[in-house]
C-alpha atoms as a PDB file:
ATOM      1  CA  MET A   1     -31.026  18.475 -15.277  1.00  0.00           C
ATOM      2  CA  ASP A   2     -27.480  19.511 -14.326  1.00  0.00           C
ATOM      3  CA  TYR A   3     -26.247  15.949 -14.609  1.00  0.00           C
ATOM      4  CA  PHE A   4     -22.701  16.524 -13.356  1.00  0.00           C
ATOM      5  CA  ASN A   5     -23.785  18.396 -10.234  1.00  0.00           C
ATOM      6  CA  ALA A   6     -26.590  15.918  -9.604  1.00  0.00           C
ATOM      7  CA  VAL A   7     -24.180  12.978  -9.639  1.00  0.00           C
ATOM      8  CA  ARG A   8     -21.679  14.903  -7.532  1.00  0.00           C
ATOM      9  CA  ALA A   9     -24.373  15.778  -4.982  1.00  0.00           C
ATOM     10  CA  PHE A  10     -25.543  12.151  -4.807  1.00  0.00           C
ATOM     11  CA  ALA A  11     -21.970  10.886  -4.362  1.00  0.00           C
ATOM     12  CA  ARG A  12     -21.281  13.350  -1.560  1.00  0.00           C
ATOM     13  CA  VAL A  13     -24.511  12.377   0.244  1.00  0.00           C
ATOM     14  CA  ALA A  14     -23.533   8.707  -0.127  1.00  0.00           C
ATOM     15  CA  GLU A  15     -20.073   9.385   1.302  1.00  0.00           C
ATOM     16  CA  THR A  16     -21.245  11.518   4.236  1.00  0.00           C
ATOM     17  CA  ALA A  17     -24.589   9.751   4.849  1.00  0.00           C
ATOM     18  CA  SER A  18     -26.087  13.203   5.328  1.00  0.00           C
ATOM     19  CA  PHE A  19     -27.727  15.827   3.119  1.00  0.00           C
ATOM     20  CA  VAL A  20     -26.605  18.544   5.533  1.00  0.00           C
ATOM     21  CA  LYS A  21     -22.953  17.485   5.535  1.00  0.00           C
ATOM     22  CA  ALA A  22     -23.014  17.040   1.769  1.00  0.00           C
ATOM     23  CA  ALA A  23     -24.456  20.524   1.302  1.00  0.00           C
ATOM     24  CA  ASP A  24     -21.842  22.053   3.612  1.00  0.00           C
ATOM     25  CA  SER A  25     -18.938  20.372   1.807  1.00  0.00           C
ATOM     26  CA  LEU A  26     -20.278  21.427  -1.603  1.00  0.00           C
ATOM     27  CA  HIS A  27     -21.065  24.942  -0.369  1.00  0.00           C
ATOM     28  CA  LEU A  28     -24.661  24.593  -1.561  1.00  0.00           C
ATOM     29  CA  PRO A  29     -28.024  25.054   0.168  1.00  0.00           C
ATOM     30  CA  ARG A  30     -29.471  21.819   1.535  1.00  0.00           C
ATOM     31  CA  ASN A  31     -32.591  22.208  -0.599  1.00  0.00           C
ATOM     32  CA  THR A  32     -30.440  22.444  -3.730  1.00  0.00           C
ATOM     33  CA  VAL A  33     -28.684  19.180  -2.885  1.00  0.00           C
ATOM     34  CA  THR A  34     -32.034  17.523  -2.199  1.00  0.00           C
ATOM     35  CA  LYS A  35     -33.460  18.684  -5.539  1.00  0.00           C
ATOM     36  CA  LEU A  36     -30.363  17.543  -7.415  1.00  0.00           C
ATOM     37  CA  VAL A  37     -30.603  14.043  -5.935  1.00  0.00           C
ATOM     38  CA  GLN A  38     -34.338  13.895  -6.582  1.00  0.00           C
ATOM     39  CA  SER A  39     -33.833  14.925 -10.217  1.00  0.00           C
ATOM     40  CA  LEU A  40     -31.185  12.228 -10.612  1.00  0.00           C
ATOM     41  CA  GLU A  41     -33.507   9.576  -9.166  1.00  0.00           C
ATOM     42  CA  ALA A  42     -36.278  10.754 -11.477  1.00  0.00           C
ATOM     43  CA  HIS A  43     -33.933  10.581 -14.457  1.00  0.00           C
ATOM     44  CA  LEU A  44     -32.834   7.047 -13.545  1.00  0.00           C
ATOM     45  CA  ARG A  45     -36.373   6.018 -12.512  1.00  0.00           C
ATOM     46  CA  THR A  46     -35.079   4.365  -9.360  1.00  0.00           C
ATOM     47  CA  ARG A  47     -34.560   5.275  -5.709  1.00  0.00           C
ATOM     48  CA  LEU A  48     -30.884   5.643  -4.851  1.00  0.00           C
ATOM     49  CA  LEU A  49     -31.157   6.600  -1.184  1.00  0.00           C
ATOM     50  CA  ASN A  50     -33.207   5.464   1.778  1.00  0.00           C
ATOM     51  CA  ARG A  51     -34.176   8.504   3.848  1.00  0.00           C
ATOM     52  CA  THR A  52     -35.388   8.564   7.428  1.00  0.00           C
ATOM     53  CA  THR A  53     -35.431  11.354  10.002  1.00  0.00           C
ATOM     54  CA  ARG A  54     -32.257   9.959  11.546  1.00  0.00           C
ATOM     55  CA  ARG A  55     -30.135   8.577   8.726  1.00  0.00           C
ATOM     56  CA  VAL A  56     -29.530   8.341   5.018  1.00  0.00           C
ATOM     57  CA  SER A  57     -28.327   5.098   3.446  1.00  0.00           C
ATOM     58  CA  LEU A  58     -27.829   3.676  -0.009  1.00  0.00           C
ATOM     59  CA  THR A  59     -30.358   1.351  -1.584  1.00  0.00           C
ATOM     60  CA  ASN A  60     -29.024  -1.681  -3.423  1.00  0.00           C
ATOM     61  CA  ASP A  61     -29.397   0.186  -6.719  1.00  0.00           C
ATOM     62  CA  GLY A  62     -27.800   3.246  -5.143  1.00  0.00           C
ATOM     63  CA  ALA A  63     -24.775   1.278  -3.928  1.00  0.00           C
ATOM     64  CA  ALA A  64     -24.235  -0.241  -7.376  1.00  0.00           C
ATOM     65  CA  TYR A  65     -24.640   3.143  -9.043  1.00  0.00           C
ATOM     66  CA  TYR A  66     -22.261   4.843  -6.616  1.00  0.00           C
ATOM     67  CA  GLU A  67     -19.595   2.168  -7.096  1.00  0.00           C
ATOM     68  CA  ARG A  68     -19.550   2.793 -10.840  1.00  0.00           C
ATOM     69  CA  MET A  69     -20.046   6.541 -10.853  1.00  0.00           C
ATOM     70  CA  ALA A  70     -17.657   7.542  -8.066  1.00  0.00           C
ATOM     71  CA  ARG A  71     -14.579   6.711 -10.143  1.00  0.00           C
ATOM     72  CA  LEU A  72     -16.072   8.317 -13.273  1.00  0.00           C
ATOM     73  CA  LEU A  73     -16.893  11.419 -11.280  1.00  0.00           C
ATOM     74  CA  GLU A  74     -13.374  11.591  -9.908  1.00  0.00           C
ATOM     75  CA  GLU A  75     -11.900  11.257 -13.399  1.00  0.00           C
ATOM     76  CA  TRP A  76     -14.302  13.901 -14.693  1.00  0.00           C
ATOM     77  CA  GLN A  77     -13.233  16.310 -11.971  1.00  0.00           C
ATOM     78  CA  GLU A  78      -9.588  15.534 -12.592  1.00  0.00           C
ATOM     79  CA  VAL A  79      -9.875  16.268 -16.316  1.00  0.00           C
ATOM     80  CA  GLU A  80     -11.393  19.650 -15.501  1.00  0.00           C
ATOM     81  CA  ALA A  81      -8.717  20.312 -12.895  1.00  0.00           C
ATOM     82  CA  GLU A  82      -5.930  19.413 -15.301  1.00  0.00           C
ATOM     83  CA  LEU A  83      -7.346  21.794 -17.883  1.00  0.00           C
ATOM     84  CA  ALA A  84      -7.626  24.564 -15.316  1.00  0.00           C
ATOM     85  CA  HIS A  85      -4.250  24.093 -13.638  1.00  0.00           C
ATOM     86  CA  ALA A  86      -0.740  23.429 -14.859  1.00  0.00           C
ATOM     87  CA  GLN A  87       0.486  19.856 -14.797  1.00  0.00           C
ATOM     88  CA  SER A  88       3.090  20.910 -12.244  1.00  0.00           C
ATOM     89  CA  ARG A  89       0.296  21.561  -9.725  1.00  0.00           C
ATOM     90  CA  PRO A  90      -1.769  18.343  -9.681  1.00  0.00           C
ATOM     91  CA  ARG A  91      -4.563  18.284  -7.157  1.00  0.00           C
ATOM     92  CA  GLY A  92      -7.062  15.823  -5.743  1.00  0.00           C
ATOM     93  CA  ARG A  93      -7.030  12.643  -3.714  1.00  0.00           C
ATOM     94  CA  LEU A  94      -4.550   9.831  -4.256  1.00  0.00           C
ATOM     95  CA  ARG A  95      -5.265   6.389  -2.812  1.00  0.00           C
ATOM     96  CA  VAL A  96      -2.140   4.310  -2.219  1.00  0.00           C
ATOM     97  CA  ASP A  97      -1.640   0.900  -0.615  1.00  0.00           C
ATOM     98  CA  MET A  98       1.615  -0.523   0.752  1.00  0.00           C
ATOM     99  CA  ALA A  99       3.018  -2.901   3.359  1.00  0.00           C
ATOM    100  CA  SER A 100       3.310  -1.594   6.902  1.00  0.00           C
ATOM    101  CA  ALA A 101       7.111  -1.635   7.072  1.00  0.00           C
ATOM    102  CA  THR A 102       7.384   0.108   3.703  1.00  0.00           C
ATOM    103  CA  ALA A 103       5.027   2.803   4.937  1.00  0.00           C
ATOM    104  CA  THR A 104       6.515   3.388   8.376  1.00  0.00           C
ATOM    105  CA  LEU A 105      10.215   3.026   7.548  1.00  0.00           C
ATOM    106  CA  LEU A 106      10.514   4.371   4.005  1.00  0.00           C
ATOM    107  CA  VAL A 107       7.598   6.317   2.581  1.00  0.00           C
ATOM    108  CA  ILE A 108       5.945   8.218   5.435  1.00  0.00           C
ATOM    109  CA  PRO A 109       9.198   9.648   6.885  1.00  0.00           C
ATOM    110  CA  ALA A 110      10.005  11.078   3.432  1.00  0.00           C
ATOM    111  CA  LEU A 111       6.536  12.487   2.711  1.00  0.00           C
ATOM    112  CA  PRO A 112       7.316  16.065   3.806  1.00  0.00           C
ATOM    113  CA  SER A 113       9.384  16.485   0.631  1.00  0.00           C
ATOM    114  CA  PHE A 114       6.473  15.241  -1.492  1.00  0.00           C
ATOM    115  CA  GLN A 115       4.069  17.525   0.342  1.00  0.00           C
ATOM    116  CA  ALA A 116       6.346  20.497  -0.299  1.00  0.00           C
ATOM    117  CA  ARG A 117       6.301  19.765  -4.031  1.00  0.00           C
ATOM    118  CA  TYR A 118       2.591  18.975  -4.354  1.00  0.00           C
ATOM    119  CA  PRO A 119       0.658  20.694  -1.561  1.00  0.00           C
ATOM    120  CA  ASP A 120      -2.672  20.374  -3.411  1.00  0.00           C
ATOM    121  CA  LEU A 121      -2.624  16.568  -3.315  1.00  0.00           C
ATOM    122  CA  GLN A 122      -4.244  14.544  -0.551  1.00  0.00           C
ATOM    123  CA  LEU A 123      -2.814  11.090   0.189  1.00  0.00           C
ATOM    124  CA  ASP A 124      -4.953   8.286   1.610  1.00  0.00           C
ATOM    125  CA  ILE A 125      -2.522   5.483   2.511  1.00  0.00           C
ATOM    126  CA  GLY A 126      -3.782   1.978   3.160  1.00  0.00           C
ATOM    127  CA  VAL A 127      -1.275  -0.008   5.232  1.00  0.00           C
ATOM    128  CA  SER A 128      -1.576  -3.744   4.673  1.00  0.00           C
ATOM    129  CA  ASP A 129       0.535  -6.688   3.563  1.00  0.00           C
ATOM    130  CA  ARG A 130      -2.418  -8.257   1.760  1.00  0.00           C
ATOM    131  CA  PRO A 131      -2.779  -7.886  -2.039  1.00  0.00           C
ATOM    132  CA  SER A 132      -5.055  -5.044  -3.119  1.00  0.00           C
ATOM    133  CA  ASP A 133      -8.032  -5.277  -5.423  1.00  0.00           C
ATOM    134  CA  PHE A 134      -7.747  -2.161  -7.583  1.00  0.00           C
ATOM    135  CA  ILE A 135     -11.468  -2.105  -8.356  1.00  0.00           C
ATOM    136  CA  ALA A 136     -12.963  -3.082  -5.003  1.00  0.00           C
ATOM    137  CA  ASP A 137     -10.480  -1.071  -2.915  1.00  0.00           C
ATOM    138  CA  ARG A 138     -10.509   1.867  -5.361  1.00  0.00           C
ATOM    139  CA  VAL A 139      -6.744   2.382  -5.074  1.00  0.00           C
ATOM    140  CA  ASP A 140      -4.679   4.345  -7.574  1.00  0.00           C
ATOM    141  CA  CYS A 141      -1.406   2.498  -7.044  1.00  0.00           C
ATOM    142  CA  VAL A 142       0.252   0.024  -4.683  1.00  0.00           C
ATOM    143  CA  ILE A 143       3.808  -0.741  -3.612  1.00  0.00           C
ATOM    144  CA  ARG A 144       4.462  -4.454  -3.558  1.00  0.00           C
ATOM    145  CA  ALA A 145       7.395  -6.839  -3.148  1.00  0.00           C
ATOM    146  CA  GLY A 146       7.996  -9.795  -5.442  1.00  0.00           C
ATOM    147  CA  LYS A 147       7.209 -10.566  -9.041  1.00  0.00           C
ATOM    148  CA  ILE A 148       4.017  -8.991 -10.393  1.00  0.00           C
ATOM    149  CA  THR A 149       2.294 -11.705 -12.407  1.00  0.00           C
ATOM    150  CA  ASP A 150      -0.923  -9.928 -13.403  1.00  0.00           C
ATOM    151  CA  PRO A 151      -0.463  -8.895 -17.067  1.00  0.00           C
ATOM    152  CA  SER A 152      -3.298  -6.377 -16.780  1.00  0.00           C
ATOM    153  CA  LEU A 153      -1.232  -4.151 -14.449  1.00  0.00           C
ATOM    154  CA  VAL A 154       1.714  -1.839 -15.004  1.00  0.00           C
ATOM    155  CA  ALA A 155       4.675  -2.454 -12.652  1.00  0.00           C
ATOM    156  CA  ARG A 156       7.442   0.143 -12.377  1.00  0.00           C
ATOM    157  CA  PRO A 157      10.516  -1.282 -10.583  1.00  0.00           C
ATOM    158  CA  LEU A 158      11.752   0.609  -7.548  1.00  0.00           C
ATOM    159  CA  GLY A 159      14.740  -1.556  -6.696  1.00  0.00           C
ATOM    160  CA  ASP A 160      15.817  -4.834  -5.122  1.00  0.00           C
ATOM    161  CA  PHE A 161      16.262  -5.395  -1.400  1.00  0.00           C
ATOM    162  CA  SER A 162      18.416  -8.009   0.304  1.00  0.00           C
ATOM    163  CA  PHE A 163      17.805  -9.911   3.537  1.00  0.00           C
ATOM    164  CA  ILE A 164      19.530 -10.256   6.893  1.00  0.00           C
ATOM    165  CA  THR A 165      19.130 -13.355   9.047  1.00  0.00           C
ATOM    166  CA  CYS A 166      19.435 -12.208  12.631  1.00  0.00           C
ATOM    167  CA  ALA A 167      18.324 -12.593  16.231  1.00  0.00           C
ATOM    168  CA  ALA A 168      18.258 -10.664  19.479  1.00  0.00           C
ATOM    169  CA  PRO A 169      21.496 -10.952  21.496  1.00  0.00           C
ATOM    170  CA  ALA A 170      19.505 -12.388  24.425  1.00  0.00           C
ATOM    171  CA  TYR A 171      18.176 -15.194  22.208  1.00  0.00           C
ATOM    172  CA  LEU A 172      21.662 -16.083  20.961  1.00  0.00           C
ATOM    173  CA  LYS A 173      23.063 -16.014  24.495  1.00  0.00           C
ATOM    174  CA  GLN A 174      20.427 -18.546  25.571  1.00  0.00           C
ATOM    175  CA  HIS A 175      20.320 -20.791  22.488  1.00  0.00           C
ATOM    176  CA  GLY A 176      23.712 -20.308  20.856  1.00  0.00           C
ATOM    177  CA  THR A 177      24.672 -18.936  17.455  1.00  0.00           C
ATOM    178  CA  PRO A 178      24.017 -21.204  14.442  1.00  0.00           C
ATOM    179  CA  THR A 179      26.915 -21.863  12.066  1.00  0.00           C
ATOM    180  CA  HIS A 180      24.948 -23.694   9.351  1.00  0.00           C
ATOM    181  CA  PRO A 181      21.322 -23.315   8.114  1.00  0.00           C
ATOM    182  CA  ALA A 182      20.655 -26.975   8.917  1.00  0.00           C
ATOM    183  CA  GLU A 183      20.854 -26.085  12.614  1.00  0.00           C
ATOM    184  CA  LEU A 184      17.762 -23.910  12.193  1.00  0.00           C
ATOM    185  CA  GLU A 185      15.608 -26.973  11.523  1.00  0.00           C
ATOM    186  CA  GLU A 186      15.943 -28.604  14.932  1.00  0.00           C
ATOM    187  CA  ASP A 187      18.121 -26.569  17.284  1.00  0.00           C
ATOM    188  CA  HIS A 188      16.453 -23.171  17.003  1.00  0.00           C
ATOM    189  CA  LEU A 189      13.112 -21.420  16.828  1.00  0.00           C
ATOM    190  CA  LEU A 190      12.221 -19.186  13.909  1.00  0.00           C
ATOM    191  CA  VAL A 191       9.955 -16.176  13.793  1.00  0.00           C
ATOM    192  CA  LYS A 192       7.935 -16.864  10.656  1.00  0.00           C
ATOM    193  CA  TYR A 193       6.078 -14.680   8.203  1.00  0.00           C
ATOM    194  CA  SER A 194       2.625 -16.046   7.383  1.00  0.00           C
ATOM    195  CA  PHE A 195       0.366 -15.262   4.437  1.00  0.00           C
ATOM    196  CA  ALA A 196      -3.394 -14.785   4.624  1.00  0.00           C
ATOM    197  CA  SER A 197      -3.786 -18.378   3.440  1.00  0.00           C
ATOM    198  CA  GLY A 198      -1.910 -19.581   6.524  1.00  0.00           C
ATOM    199  CA  ARG A 199       1.131 -20.646   4.504  1.00  0.00           C
ATOM    200  CA  HIS A 200       4.478 -19.737   6.028  1.00  0.00           C
ATOM    201  CA  LEU A 201       7.219 -18.130   3.984  1.00  0.00           C
ATOM    202  CA  PRO A 202      10.231 -20.481   3.884  1.00  0.00           C
ATOM    203  CA  VAL A 203      13.781 -19.189   4.309  1.00  0.00           C
ATOM    204  CA  GLU A 204      15.942 -19.995   1.274  1.00  0.00           C
ATOM    205  CA  LEU A 205      19.693 -19.542   1.801  1.00  0.00           C
ATOM    206  CA  SER A 206      22.606 -20.272  -0.525  1.00  0.00           C
ATOM    207  CA  ARG A 207      26.411 -20.285  -0.394  1.00  0.00           C
ATOM    208  CA  ASP A 208      28.868 -21.245  -3.131  1.00  0.00           C
ATOM    209  CA  GLY A 209      26.180 -22.965  -5.190  1.00  0.00           C
ATOM    210  CA  GLU A 210      24.691 -24.862  -2.232  1.00  0.00           C
ATOM    211  CA  GLN A 211      21.074 -23.975  -1.522  1.00  0.00           C
ATOM    212  CA  ILE A 212      19.081 -24.892   1.583  1.00  0.00           C
ATOM    213  CA  VAL A 213      15.380 -24.302   2.239  1.00  0.00           C
ATOM    214  CA  VAL A 214      14.733 -23.854   5.950  1.00  0.00           C
ATOM    215  CA  ARG A 215      11.240 -24.426   7.315  1.00  0.00           C
ATOM    216  CA  GLY A 216      12.010 -25.115  10.959  1.00  0.00           C
ATOM    217  CA  ARG A 217       9.911 -24.744  14.094  1.00  0.00           C
ATOM    218  CA  HIS A 218       8.301 -21.600  15.393  1.00  0.00           C
ATOM    219  CA  PHE A 219       6.648 -20.304  18.526  1.00  0.00           C
ATOM    220  CA  VAL A 220       5.091 -17.325  16.766  1.00  0.00           C
ATOM    221  CA  SER A 221       4.302 -16.359  13.189  1.00  0.00           C
ATOM    222  CA  VAL A 222       3.004 -12.981  12.018  1.00  0.00           C
ATOM    223  CA  ASN A 223       1.608 -11.502   8.809  1.00  0.00           C
ATOM    224  CA  ASP A 224       3.138  -8.035   9.098  1.00  0.00           C
ATOM    225  CA  GLY A 225       6.695  -6.788   8.589  1.00  0.00           C
ATOM    226  CA  ASN A 226       6.741  -4.521  11.637  1.00  0.00           C
ATOM    227  CA  ALA A 227       5.405  -7.337  13.807  1.00  0.00           C
ATOM    228  CA  LEU A 228       8.090  -9.660  12.394  1.00  0.00           C
ATOM    229  CA  LEU A 229      10.767  -7.194  13.496  1.00  0.00           C
ATOM    230  CA  SER A 230       9.184  -6.759  16.917  1.00  0.00           C
ATOM    231  CA  ALA A 231       9.027 -10.506  17.522  1.00  0.00           C
ATOM    232  CA  GLY A 232      12.675 -10.914  16.540  1.00  0.00           C
ATOM    233  CA  MET A 233      13.767  -8.097  18.851  1.00  0.00           C
ATOM    234  CA  ALA A 234      11.757  -9.687  21.675  1.00  0.00           C
ATOM    235  CA  GLY A 235      13.978 -12.780  21.428  1.00  0.00           C
ATOM    236  CA  LEU A 236      11.241 -15.099  20.158  1.00  0.00           C
ATOM    237  CA  GLY A 237      13.461 -16.714  17.558  1.00  0.00           C
ATOM    238  CA  ILE A 238      15.763 -16.199  14.607  1.00  0.00           C
ATOM    239  CA  VAL A 239      14.187 -13.892  12.055  1.00  0.00           C
ATOM    240  CA  HIS A 240      14.796 -13.378   8.332  1.00  0.00           C
ATOM    241  CA  LEU A 241      14.193  -9.718   7.555  1.00  0.00           C
ATOM    242  CA  PRO A 242      14.555  -7.329   4.630  1.00  0.00           C
ATOM    243  CA  ALA A 243      17.732  -5.327   5.135  1.00  0.00           C
ATOM    244  CA  PHE A 244      15.882  -2.003   5.167  1.00  0.00           C
ATOM    245  CA  ILE A 245      13.922  -3.236   8.194  1.00  0.00           C
ATOM    246  CA  ALA A 246      16.738  -4.967  10.071  1.00  0.00           C
ATOM    247  CA  GLN A 247      19.786  -2.774   9.394  1.00  0.00           C
ATOM    248  CA  PRO A 248      18.928   0.098  11.786  1.00  0.00           C
ATOM    249  CA  GLN A 249      18.383  -2.421  14.601  1.00  0.00           C
ATOM    250  CA  VAL A 250      21.631  -4.230  13.762  1.00  0.00           C
ATOM    251  CA  GLU A 251      23.538  -0.946  13.864  1.00  0.00           C
ATOM    252  CA  ALA A 252      21.935  -0.164  17.234  1.00  0.00           C
ATOM    253  CA  GLY A 253      22.968  -3.570  18.614  1.00  0.00           C
ATOM    254  CA  LEU A 254      19.384  -4.703  19.120  1.00  0.00           C
ATOM    255  CA  LEU A 255      19.727  -7.481  16.551  1.00  0.00           C
ATOM    256  CA  GLN A 256      22.792  -9.532  15.660  1.00  0.00           C
ATOM    257  CA  PRO A 257      23.344 -11.043  12.179  1.00  0.00           C
ATOM    258  CA  VAL A 258      23.886 -14.793  11.902  1.00  0.00           C
ATOM    259  CA  LEU A 259      24.896 -17.025   8.994  1.00  0.00           C
ATOM    260  CA  ALA A 260      26.372 -13.995   7.222  1.00  0.00           C
ATOM    261  CA  GLU A 261      27.994 -16.181   4.544  1.00  0.00           C
ATOM    262  CA  TRP A 262      24.591 -17.560   3.568  1.00  0.00           C
ATOM    263  CA  GLN A 263      22.521 -15.229   1.425  1.00  0.00           C
ATOM    264  CA  ALA A 264      18.945 -15.138   0.211  1.00  0.00           C
ATOM    265  CA  ALA A 265      18.042 -14.019  -3.294  1.00  0.00           C
ATOM    266  CA  PRO A 266      17.098 -10.327  -3.383  1.00  0.00           C
ATOM    267  CA  ILE A 267      13.443  -9.414  -3.875  1.00  0.00           C
ATOM    268  CA  SER A 268      12.218  -6.709  -6.222  1.00  0.00           C
ATOM    269  CA  MET A 269       9.977  -3.876  -5.097  1.00  0.00           C
ATOM    270  CA  SER A 270       7.576  -2.250  -7.577  1.00  0.00           C
ATOM    271  CA  VAL A 271       4.931   0.415  -7.716  1.00  0.00           C
ATOM    272  CA  VAL A 272       1.908  -0.999  -9.521  1.00  0.00           C
ATOM    273  CA  TYR A 273      -1.078   0.676 -11.131  1.00  0.00           C
ATOM    274  CA  ALA A 274      -3.807  -0.070 -13.647  1.00  0.00           C
ATOM    275  CA  PRO A 275      -2.919   0.784 -17.260  1.00  0.00           C
ATOM    276  CA  ASN A 276      -4.362   3.985 -18.623  1.00  0.00           C
ATOM    277  CA  ARG A 277      -3.554   5.654 -21.899  1.00  0.00           C
ATOM    278  CA  HIS A 278      -3.597   8.980 -20.078  1.00  0.00           C
ATOM    279  CA  LEU A 279      -2.031   8.329 -16.665  1.00  0.00           C
ATOM    280  CA  SER A 280      -3.391  10.886 -14.213  1.00  0.00           C
ATOM    281  CA  ALA A 281      -1.059  13.671 -13.151  1.00  0.00           C
ATOM    282  CA  ARG A 282      -1.378  12.810  -9.468  1.00  0.00           C
ATOM    283  CA  VAL A 283      -0.391   9.158 -10.006  1.00  0.00           C
ATOM    284  CA  ARG A 284       2.437  10.081 -12.345  1.00  0.00           C
ATOM    285  CA  VAL A 285       4.100  12.542  -9.961  1.00  0.00           C
ATOM    286  CA  PHE A 286       3.773  10.129  -7.029  1.00  0.00           C
ATOM    287  CA  VAL A 287       5.292   7.258  -9.011  1.00  0.00           C
ATOM    288  CA  ASP A 288       8.160   9.464 -10.168  1.00  0.00           C
ATOM    289  CA  TRP A 289       8.758  10.612  -6.591  1.00  0.00           C
ATOM    290  CA  LEU A 290       8.787   7.009  -5.330  1.00  0.00           C
ATOM    291  CA  ILE A 291      11.381   6.009  -7.926  1.00  0.00           C
ATOM    292  CA  GLU A 292      13.562   8.914  -6.852  1.00  0.00           C
ATOM    293  CA  LEU A 293      13.073   8.036  -3.176  1.00  0.00           C
ATOM    294  CA  PHE A 294      14.029   4.386  -3.558  1.00  0.00           C
ATOM    295  CA  GLN A 295      17.053   5.181  -5.723  1.00  0.00           C
ATOM    296  CA  ASN A 296      18.426   7.150  -2.779  1.00  0.00           C
ATOM    297  CA  GLN A 297      17.931   4.306  -0.290  1.00  0.00           C
ATOM    298  CA  SER A 298      21.187   2.572   0.625  1.00  0.00           C
ATOM    299  CA  SER A 299      19.319  -0.676   1.434  1.00  0.00           C
ATOM    300  CA  PHE A 300      18.061  -0.940  -2.148  1.00  0.00           C
ATOM    301  CA  LYS A 301      19.896  -1.905  -5.276  1.00  0.00           C
ATOM    302  CA  SER A 302      18.337   0.334  -7.887  1.00  0.00           C
ATOM    303  CA  ARG A 303      17.298  -0.879 -11.295  1.00  0.00           C
ATOM    304  CA  ARG A 304      16.831   1.548 -14.142  1.00  0.00           C
ATOM    305  CA  PRO A 305      13.048   1.741 -14.598  1.00  0.00           C
ATOM    306  CA  PRO A 306      11.450   1.848 -18.036  1.00  0.00           C
ATOM    307  CA  PRO A 307       9.921   5.144 -19.180  1.00  0.00           C
ATOM    308  CA  GLY A 308       6.610   5.982 -17.524  1.00  0.00           C
ATOM    309  CA  ARG A 309       3.283   5.778 -19.284  1.00  0.00           C
END
């Protein structure tokens, strides 16, 4: 049995839910794909696929087998590709996860330069503020804000971003401009950022050694950076935003900073990936490009990253 091609044929059928589509994408006759899958099932002594005249689906054993073998197959193909092509021309699919504001404001607008360097790579970007499960979500790397506490992951620092407390001019005209954080507790509404657990992110401001934690009241809370910006611009309350999100709107006059003398501690941004003694070429070049990108961002205070792995 051609084990590699059998596993590859099975994986493609699982992904497309069709022997015909799998055969077309592999540039093989349909009968060849069918025989490869049948030989694999015979070798494993279990049925991997349920077949009817209308659809193909994974059995329970097939789903478990695919989950384990898909990553191994991808690594196998990558090893062969890296032997066949120079490291300067990595190819294949790269799965990346990042917060929505990071994607829309920083990474995606700059991607043409990455595409020009590495045209053989294919990026699948997941946009979400929720933490990623590297195994379940099958991601290669993620961009995340805050301290990375999982010791099983590698975190390369991209830089630190500051915050701007601000509000729409219409909101300030109606409710007044606060002069002290304490006023945010009772006299104003906040637009709050909420986590999946339902917990709201407090606003921590300091000045000359004095620190105040503001919780305050809110009409609306959101769990997405772009939505946080939109709610602030709509005049729904005072909003505490990363500078890279707020600054363009401040410069355009759509948001107005308040409590400028009170500052929040900067937050670090990192690109995170699972440790691997031989980091894949596609992950390595993307991580290096991200570090370069963030170092050129005026809203970020760069930190010298440690050497890559």
